């Protein structure tokens, strides 16, 4: 399991770890909103685009 995790993008792993550490100490609605904040930050920084494009085999800005 550790090898599989180590292969992942460290930006995403760090955000996931921080989210997991914080969700237990908050109410469900607050923790959901906080987790969505991490997703939003990863999206704004372009991480989501990189991984979506890698998965789909496309490049950002590429013409079809």
N, C-alpha and C. Protein backbone atom coordinates (compact mmCIF):
# COMPACT_ATOMS: atom_id res chain seq x y z
N UNK A 1 0.83 -1.19 0.00
CA UNK A 1 0.00 0.00 0.00
C UNK A 1 0.87 1.25 0.00
N UNK A 2 1.93 1.23 0.80
CA UNK A 2 2.81 2.40 0.88
C UNK A 2 3.45 2.72 -0.47
N UNK A 3 3.82 1.69 -1.22
CA UNK A 3 4.41 1.93 -2.55
C UNK A 3 3.40 2.58 -3.49
N UNK A 4 2.16 2.13 -3.42
CA UNK A 4 1.11 2.72 -4.27
C UNK A 4 0.89 4.18 -3.92
N UNK A 5 0.87 4.49 -2.63
CA UNK A 5 0.69 5.87 -2.19
C UNK A 5 1.89 6.72 -2.60
N UNK A 6 3.09 6.16 -2.48
CA UNK A 6 4.31 6.90 -2.82
C UNK A 6 4.37 7.28 -4.29
N UNK A 7 3.66 6.55 -5.14
CA UNK A 7 3.64 6.85 -6.58
C UNK A 7 2.74 8.03 -6.92
N UNK A 8 1.89 8.42 -5.99
CA UNK A 8 0.91 9.48 -6.24
C UNK A 8 1.54 10.86 -6.15
N UNK A 9 0.86 11.84 -6.70
CA UNK A 9 1.29 13.23 -6.67
C UNK A 9 1.34 13.72 -5.23
N UNK A 10 2.50 14.22 -4.81
CA UNK A 10 2.67 14.65 -3.42
C UNK A 10 1.75 15.80 -3.05
N UNK A 11 1.39 16.64 -4.02
CA UNK A 11 0.47 17.75 -3.72
C UNK A 11 -0.89 17.22 -3.30
N UNK A 12 -1.34 16.19 -3.97
CA UNK A 12 -2.64 15.60 -3.66
C UNK A 12 -2.57 14.83 -2.35
N UNK A 13 -1.50 14.09 -2.14
CA UNK A 13 -1.34 13.33 -0.90
C UNK A 13 -1.31 14.26 0.31
N UNK A 14 -0.59 15.36 0.21
CA UNK A 14 -0.53 16.31 1.33
C UNK A 14 -1.90 16.91 1.63
N UNK A 15 -2.64 17.26 0.59
CA UNK A 15 -3.98 17.82 0.78
C UNK A 15 -4.91 16.77 1.40
N UNK A 16 -4.82 15.54 0.93
CA UNK A 16 -5.66 14.47 1.47
C UNK A 16 -5.33 14.20 2.93
N UNK A 17 -4.05 14.17 3.25
CA UNK A 17 -3.63 13.94 4.64
C UNK A 17 -4.14 15.05 5.55
N UNK A 18 -4.00 16.28 5.13
CA UNK A 18 -4.47 17.39 5.94
C UNK A 18 -5.98 17.33 6.11
N UNK A 19 -6.69 17.02 5.04
CA UNK A 19 -8.15 16.91 5.12
C UNK A 19 -8.56 15.80 6.08
N UNK A 20 -7.90 14.65 5.99
CA UNK A 20 -8.23 13.54 6.88
C UNK A 20 -7.95 13.88 8.34
N UNK A 21 -6.87 14.61 8.58
CA UNK A 21 -6.53 15.00 9.95
C UNK A 21 -7.52 16.01 10.52
N UNK A 22 -8.18 16.77 9.67
CA UNK A 22 -9.08 17.82 10.14
C UNK A 22 -10.55 17.40 10.21
N UNK A 23 -10.97 16.42 9.41
CA UNK A 23 -12.40 16.13 9.33
C UNK A 23 -12.97 15.51 10.61
N UNK A 24 -12.16 14.81 11.37
CA UNK A 24 -12.67 14.17 12.58
C UNK A 24 -13.04 15.15 13.67
N UNK A 25 -12.47 16.32 13.67
CA UNK A 25 -12.71 17.27 14.76
C UNK A 25 -13.81 18.27 14.44
N UNK A 26 -14.50 18.08 13.33
CA UNK A 26 -15.54 19.02 12.92
C UNK A 26 -16.86 18.28 12.69
N UNK A 27 -17.93 19.03 12.66
CA UNK A 27 -19.23 18.47 12.32
C UNK A 27 -19.24 18.08 10.85
N UNK A 28 -20.15 17.20 10.49
CA UNK A 28 -20.19 16.66 9.13
C UNK A 28 -20.28 17.76 8.07
N UNK A 29 -21.19 18.70 8.24
CA UNK A 29 -21.34 19.76 7.23
C UNK A 29 -20.08 20.61 7.10
N UNK A 30 -19.46 20.92 8.23
CA UNK A 30 -18.24 21.72 8.20
C UNK A 30 -17.09 20.95 7.58
N UNK A 31 -16.97 19.67 7.92
CA UNK A 31 -15.86 18.88 7.38
C UNK A 31 -16.03 18.67 5.87
N UNK A 32 -17.28 18.51 5.42
CA UNK A 32 -17.53 18.37 3.98
C UNK A 32 -17.11 19.64 3.26
N UNK A 33 -17.49 20.79 3.80
CA UNK A 33 -17.14 22.08 3.19
C UNK A 33 -15.63 22.27 3.18
N UNK A 34 -14.96 21.89 4.26
CA UNK A 34 -13.51 22.02 4.34
C UNK A 34 -12.83 21.12 3.30
N UNK A 35 -13.33 19.89 3.17
CA UNK A 35 -12.78 18.97 2.19
C UNK A 35 -12.97 19.50 0.77
N UNK A 36 -14.11 20.09 0.50
CA UNK A 36 -14.36 20.69 -0.81
C UNK A 36 -13.41 21.85 -1.07
N UNK A 37 -13.01 22.55 -0.01
CA UNK A 37 -12.03 23.63 -0.14
C UNK A 37 -10.69 23.11 -0.64
N UNK A 38 -10.27 21.95 -0.13
CA UNK A 38 -9.02 21.35 -0.61
C UNK A 38 -9.14 20.99 -2.09
N UNK A 39 -10.28 20.42 -2.46
CA UNK A 39 -10.50 20.07 -3.86
C UNK A 39 -10.46 21.31 -4.74
N UNK A 40 -11.08 22.37 -4.27
CA UNK A 40 -11.09 23.64 -5.00
C UNK A 40 -9.68 24.19 -5.17
N UNK A 41 -8.87 24.14 -4.11
CA UNK A 41 -7.49 24.62 -4.19
C UNK A 41 -6.68 23.81 -5.20
N UNK A 42 -6.83 22.49 -5.19
CA UNK A 42 -6.12 21.64 -6.15
C UNK A 42 -6.57 21.96 -7.58
N UNK A 43 -7.84 22.26 -7.74
CA UNK A 43 -8.35 22.63 -9.06
C UNK A 43 -7.76 23.96 -9.52
N UNK A 44 -7.75 24.95 -8.62
CA UNK A 44 -7.21 26.27 -8.98
C UNK A 44 -5.72 26.21 -9.32
N UNK A 45 -4.99 25.33 -8.66
CA UNK A 45 -3.55 25.25 -8.89
C UNK A 45 -3.20 24.45 -10.14
N UNK A 46 -4.20 23.86 -10.78
CA UNK A 46 -3.97 23.12 -12.02
C UNK A 46 -3.70 21.64 -11.83
N UNK A 47 -3.65 21.19 -10.60
CA UNK A 47 -3.37 19.78 -10.33
C UNK A 47 -4.46 18.89 -10.91
N UNK A 48 -5.71 19.29 -10.73
CA UNK A 48 -6.82 18.49 -11.25
C UNK A 48 -6.75 18.38 -12.78
N UNK A 49 -6.42 19.48 -13.44
CA UNK A 49 -6.29 19.46 -14.90
C UNK A 49 -5.21 18.50 -15.35
N UNK A 50 -4.07 18.54 -14.67
CA UNK A 50 -2.95 17.65 -15.03
C UNK A 50 -3.37 16.19 -14.96
N UNK A 51 -4.01 15.82 -13.86
CA UNK A 51 -4.38 14.42 -13.67
C UNK A 51 -5.52 13.99 -14.57
N UNK A 52 -6.46 14.88 -14.82
CA UNK A 52 -7.55 14.56 -15.75
C UNK A 52 -6.99 14.34 -17.15
N UNK A 53 -6.11 15.25 -17.58
CA UNK A 53 -5.53 15.13 -18.91
C UNK A 53 -4.68 13.87 -19.04
N UNK A 54 -3.94 13.54 -17.99
CA UNK A 54 -3.14 12.32 -18.01
C UNK A 54 -4.04 11.09 -18.12
N UNK A 55 -5.11 11.09 -17.35
CA UNK A 55 -6.06 9.97 -17.37
C UNK A 55 -6.74 9.84 -18.73
N UNK A 56 -7.16 10.97 -19.29
CA UNK A 56 -7.89 10.97 -20.56
C UNK A 56 -6.97 10.89 -21.78
N UNK A 57 -5.67 11.07 -21.56
CA UNK A 57 -4.74 11.04 -22.69
C UNK A 57 -4.83 12.28 -23.55
N UNK A 58 -5.19 13.40 -22.94
CA UNK A 58 -5.30 14.66 -23.67
C UNK A 58 -4.33 15.67 -23.08
N UNK A 59 -4.14 16.75 -23.80
CA UNK A 59 -3.30 17.84 -23.32
C UNK A 59 -4.15 19.09 -23.22
N UNK A 60 -3.89 19.90 -22.22
CA UNK A 60 -4.64 21.14 -22.05
C UNK A 60 -4.37 22.05 -23.24
N UNK A 61 -5.43 22.53 -23.83
CA UNK A 61 -5.29 23.44 -24.96
C UNK A 61 -5.08 22.74 -26.29
N UNK A 62 -5.03 21.42 -26.30
CA UNK A 62 -4.84 20.69 -27.55
C UNK A 62 -6.12 20.74 -28.38
N UNK A 63 -5.95 20.89 -29.67
CA UNK A 63 -7.11 20.93 -30.57
C UNK A 63 -7.51 19.51 -30.93
N UNK A 64 -8.81 19.30 -31.05
CA UNK A 64 -9.33 17.97 -31.38
C UNK A 64 -9.35 17.75 -32.87
